[in-house]
Amino acid sequence: MNGSAAGPLVVGPPRQGIADRIWEAARSEFSKRGYHGARVQGIARGASCNVALMYRHWVSKRALYLDILRSVWLSSANEIARLVEDGAMDPDAVVAAYLDAMMADPAGAQILIREYLDGAPHLSQLAASDPSILEPLRRTAAALPVRAAGAIDPILTVVTVGGLAALVASTREAARPFLAEPLQPETWRRSVLDLLVHGLSSAGRSAPTGGSGDPAGGPGASAR
């Protein structure tokens, strides 16, 4: 049985046949409908099992959601922690790391956005039960360049950048009906990164590299 059902909580999806199918089906259901809109019947149907079998692996929808939310959160947070450890902490690199982490997992980005829109109640519960999940965020905020007095709080800065990156990654498909031709992933990434870093004043300037030296660079960019 998964950790949320009893005992210490385990990060990441279980790799045990039917439990793995339930995990993937639940990620899809939560990304499309959020926690409150998701139905256990929909998850079970997506996993090709019955609800009773699902409850053998997780005691409740909430337990399953908390495990998935923790996994999504830590996946992106650990990527930022890696960036901190590498010492590449210029603002462009921070934004690029968040954007790439969210682009690497669009379903996870949708889960985070829906959680944020609800006021992040489950993230708050996770942080209350395990404060260590916020440590990568604090380390990232502490490493940001010091700004003048009255500037936005570093923690709020990091949370805002992360939220914007998740929103951009989760709504990428929405732009397709408005484009004469689909943008290549690298072109889309450069444009979005430039907008997030420099705002509308970035028109005509070179896109930031994301710390890699390659305009289409950044963690995992070649896979997009």
Protein backbone atom coordinates (compact mmCIF):
# COMPACT_ATOMS: atom_id res chain seq x y z
CA MET A 1 0.00 0.00 0.00
CA ASN A 2 1.20 3.46 -0.80
CA GLY A 3 2.65 5.69 1.92
CA SER A 4 -0.33 8.03 2.17
CA ALA A 5 -2.50 5.19 3.30
CA ALA A 6 -0.42 4.43 6.37
CA GLY A 7 3.09 5.04 7.66
CA PRO A 8 5.81 7.30 6.22
CA LEU A 9 4.97 9.06 2.98
CA VAL A 10 6.92 8.01 -0.10
CA VAL A 11 7.63 10.50 -2.89
CA GLY A 12 6.93 9.51 -6.46
CA PRO A 13 4.75 6.99 -8.24
CA PRO A 14 4.65 3.37 -7.11
CA ARG A 15 5.91 1.01 -9.80
CA GLN A 16 3.74 -2.00 -9.04
CA GLY A 17 1.54 -2.87 -11.99
CA ILE A 18 -2.02 -1.85 -11.20
CA ALA A 19 -0.84 0.81 -8.74
CA ASP A 20 1.20 2.35 -11.55
CA ARG A 21 -1.89 2.44 -13.79
CA ILE A 22 -3.92 4.05 -11.02
CA TRP A 23 -1.19 6.64 -10.51
CA GLU A 24 -1.11 7.63 -14.19
CA ALA A 25 -4.90 7.67 -14.48
CA ALA A 26 -5.14 9.84 -11.37
CA ARG A 27 -2.57 12.30 -12.68
CA SER A 28 -4.65 12.67 -15.83
CA GLU A 29 -7.92 13.05 -13.90
CA PHE A 30 -6.53 15.59 -11.43
CA SER A 31 -4.85 17.60 -14.19
CA LYS A 32 -8.13 17.88 -16.12
CA ARG A 33 -10.56 18.38 -13.24
CA GLY A 34 -8.61 19.43 -10.17
CA TYR A 35 -9.02 17.77 -6.78
CA HIS A 36 -12.68 18.64 -6.24
CA GLY A 37 -13.81 17.80 -9.77
CA ALA A 38 -11.92 14.51 -10.03
CA ARG A 39 -13.97 11.34 -9.55
CA VAL A 40 -12.64 8.07 -8.21
CA GLN A 41 -14.80 6.29 -10.80
CA GLY A 42 -12.99 8.21 -13.54
CA ILE A 43 -9.61 7.26 -12.08
CA ALA A 44 -10.60 3.61 -11.79
CA ARG A 45 -11.96 3.61 -15.33
CA GLY A 46 -8.72 5.13 -16.64
CA ALA A 47 -6.73 2.48 -14.78
CA SER A 48 -9.00 -0.34 -16.03
CA CYS A 49 -9.81 -1.45 -12.50
CA ASN A 50 -12.65 -1.08 -10.02
CA VAL A 51 -12.85 1.44 -7.19
CA ALA A 52 -12.42 -1.23 -4.52
CA LEU A 53 -9.09 -2.25 -6.03
CA MET A 54 -8.00 1.38 -6.11
CA TYR A 55 -8.70 1.68 -2.40
CA ARG A 56 -6.42 -1.27 -1.73
CA HIS A 57 -3.52 0.96 -2.78
CA TRP A 58 -4.72 4.33 -1.45
CA VAL A 59 -7.24 4.71 1.35
CA SER A 60 -8.91 7.74 -0.25
CA LYS A 61 -8.93 10.15 -3.16
CA ARG A 62 -7.29 12.70 -0.87
CA ALA A 63 -4.42 10.32 -0.02
CA LEU A 64 -3.80 9.66 -3.71
CA TYR A 65 -3.96 13.36 -4.56
CA LEU A 66 -1.53 14.31 -1.80
CA ASP A 67 0.99 11.76 -3.04
CA ILE A 68 0.71 13.04 -6.61
CA LEU A 69 0.84 16.69 -5.59
CA ARG A 70 3.93 16.06 -3.47
CA SER A 71 5.61 14.28 -6.37
CA VAL A 72 4.83 17.11 -8.81
CA TRP A 73 5.96 19.78 -6.36
CA LEU A 74 9.23 18.08 -5.44
CA SER A 75 10.06 17.23 -9.04
CA SER A 76 10.20 20.91 -9.97
CA ALA A 77 11.59 22.04 -6.60
CA ASN A 78 14.47 19.58 -6.80
CA GLU A 79 15.34 20.86 -10.27
CA ILE A 80 15.63 24.36 -8.82
CA ALA A 81 17.69 22.97 -5.93
CA ARG A 82 20.06 21.43 -8.46
CA LEU A 83 20.42 24.80 -10.13
CA VAL A 84 21.25 26.39 -6.77
CA GLU A 85 23.89 23.75 -6.08
CA ASP A 86 25.43 24.40 -9.49
CA GLY A 87 25.69 28.09 -8.65
CA ALA A 88 23.84 29.31 -11.77
CA MET A 89 21.53 31.70 -9.97
CA ASP A 90 21.15 34.72 -12.24
CA PRO A 91 17.47 35.72 -12.62
CA ASP A 92 17.26 34.49 -16.23
CA ALA A 93 18.45 31.05 -15.16
CA VAL A 94 15.90 30.86 -12.35
CA VAL A 95 13.02 31.64 -14.70
CA ALA A 96 14.39 29.23 -17.32
CA ALA A 97 14.68 26.43 -14.78
CA TYR A 98 11.07 26.84 -13.62
CA LEU A 99 9.80 27.07 -17.20
CA ASP A 100 11.71 23.97 -18.28
CA ALA A 101 10.59 22.01 -15.22
CA MET A 102 6.96 22.84 -15.95
CA MET A 103 7.28 22.19 -19.70
CA ALA A 104 8.75 18.77 -18.93
CA ASP A 105 5.51 17.78 -17.17
CA PRO A 106 2.46 19.61 -18.61
CA ALA A 107 0.01 17.45 -16.64
CA GLY A 108 1.91 18.24 -13.45
CA ALA A 109 1.80 21.93 -14.32
CA GLN A 110 -1.99 21.71 -14.69
CA ILE A 111 -2.26 20.00 -11.31
CA LEU A 112 -0.26 22.81 -9.69
CA ILE A 113 -2.29 25.55 -11.38
CA ARG A 114 -5.58 24.03 -10.22
CA GLU A 115 -4.16 23.71 -6.71
CA TYR A 116 -3.04 27.35 -6.73
CA LEU A 117 -6.46 28.51 -7.97
CA ASP A 118 -8.06 26.72 -5.02
CA GLY A 119 -5.77 28.64 -2.65
CA ALA A 120 -3.20 25.83 -2.30
CA PRO A 121 -4.97 24.10 0.65
CA HIS A 122 -3.33 20.74 0.04
CA LEU A 123 0.12 22.21 -0.47
CA SER A 124 -0.37 23.96 2.86
CA GLN A 125 -1.24 20.62 4.46
CA LEU A 126 1.84 19.00 2.97
CA ALA A 127 4.05 21.83 4.20
CA ALA A 128 2.53 21.64 7.68
CA SER A 129 3.15 17.89 7.93
CA ASP A 130 6.58 18.02 6.26
CA PRO A 131 8.20 21.50 6.30
CA SER A 132 11.23 20.14 4.45
CA ILE A 133 9.35 20.26 1.13
CA LEU A 134 9.66 24.06 1.27
CA GLU A 135 13.44 24.02 1.72
CA PRO A 136 14.30 24.11 -2.03
CA LEU A 137 12.02 27.14 -2.41
CA ARG A 138 13.72 28.94 0.49
CA ARG A 139 17.17 28.15 -0.91
CA THR A 140 16.20 29.52 -4.30
CA ALA A 141 14.77 32.69 -2.75
CA ALA A 142 17.86 33.19 -0.59
CA ALA A 143 20.14 32.92 -3.63
CA LEU A 144 18.34 35.57 -5.67
CA PRO A 145 20.30 38.81 -6.13
CA VAL A 146 19.52 41.33 -3.39
CA ARG A 147 17.24 44.11 -4.65
CA ALA A 148 16.61 47.61 -3.38
CA ALA A 149 14.48 48.18 -0.31
CA GLY A 150 10.79 47.89 -1.05
CA ALA A 151 11.26 45.32 -3.80
CA ILE A 152 9.08 42.22 -3.94
CA ASP A 153 9.78 39.63 -1.24
CA PRO A 154 12.15 36.85 -2.51
CA ILE A 155 9.78 34.05 -1.46
CA LEU A 156 6.88 35.76 -3.21
CA THR A 157 9.10 36.27 -6.25
CA VAL A 158 9.92 32.58 -6.49
CA VAL A 159 6.30 31.50 -5.92
CA THR A 160 5.09 33.97 -8.55
CA VAL A 161 7.67 32.86 -11.12
CA GLY A 162 6.82 29.23 -10.45
CA GLY A 163 3.10 29.90 -10.81
CA LEU A 164 3.57 31.80 -14.06
CA ALA A 165 5.77 29.04 -15.45
CA ALA A 166 3.17 26.42 -14.55
CA LEU A 167 0.41 28.51 -16.15
CA VAL A 168 2.40 29.01 -19.35
CA ALA A 169 3.29 25.32 -19.61
CA SER A 170 -0.25 24.14 -18.88
CA THR A 171 -1.87 26.44 -21.46
CA ARG A 172 0.54 25.97 -24.36
CA GLU A 173 -2.07 24.18 -26.46
CA ALA A 174 -4.44 27.15 -26.15
CA ALA A 175 -2.32 29.19 -28.61
CA ARG A 176 -2.67 26.72 -31.49
CA PRO A 177 -6.01 28.02 -32.90
CA PHE A 178 -4.58 31.54 -33.17
CA LEU A 179 -1.39 30.70 -35.09
CA ALA A 180 -1.19 30.32 -38.84
CA GLU A 181 1.56 27.73 -38.34
CA PRO A 182 2.49 25.92 -35.14
CA LEU A 183 5.62 27.25 -33.45
CA GLN A 184 8.57 24.95 -33.03
CA PRO A 185 9.08 24.03 -29.35
CA GLU A 186 12.42 25.82 -29.17
CA THR A 187 10.99 29.00 -30.70
CA TRP A 188 8.02 28.92 -28.35
CA ARG A 189 10.30 28.43 -25.35
CA ARG A 190 12.59 31.33 -26.29
CA SER A 191 9.65 33.67 -26.80
CA VAL A 192 7.95 32.73 -23.53
CA LEU A 193 11.19 32.89 -21.55
CA ASP A 194 11.99 36.32 -22.93
CA LEU A 195 8.49 37.51 -22.04
CA LEU A 196 8.67 36.14 -18.50
CA VAL A 197 12.10 37.65 -17.87
CA HIS A 198 11.78 41.02 -19.62
CA GLY A 199 8.06 41.60 -20.15
CA LEU A 200 6.61 43.35 -23.17
CA SER A 201 9.66 45.62 -23.36
CA SER A 202 11.61 42.63 -24.68
CA ALA A 203 10.36 43.08 -28.25
CA GLY A 204 13.30 43.00 -30.62
CA ARG A 205 15.91 41.99 -28.06
CA SER A 206 17.77 38.69 -28.09
CA ALA A 207 16.13 35.93 -26.10
CA PRO A 208 17.87 34.90 -22.86
CA THR A 209 19.81 31.69 -22.99
CA GLY A 210 18.61 30.21 -19.73
CA GLY A 211 22.21 29.89 -18.59
CA SER A 212 23.27 27.36 -21.21
CA GLY A 213 24.79 29.60 -23.87
CA ASP A 214 22.33 28.19 -26.40
CA PRO A 215 19.20 30.30 -27.13
CA ALA A 216 17.18 27.12 -27.05
CA GLY A 217 19.12 25.81 -24.07
CA GLY A 218 18.19 25.17 -20.52
CA PRO A 219 17.40 21.96 -18.66
CA GLY A 220 15.88 19.44 -21.01
CA ALA A 221 15.12 21.93 -23.80
CA SER A 222 16.16 19.55 -26.53
CA ALA A 223 13.43 17.13 -25.46
CA ARG A 224 10.62 19.66 -26.05
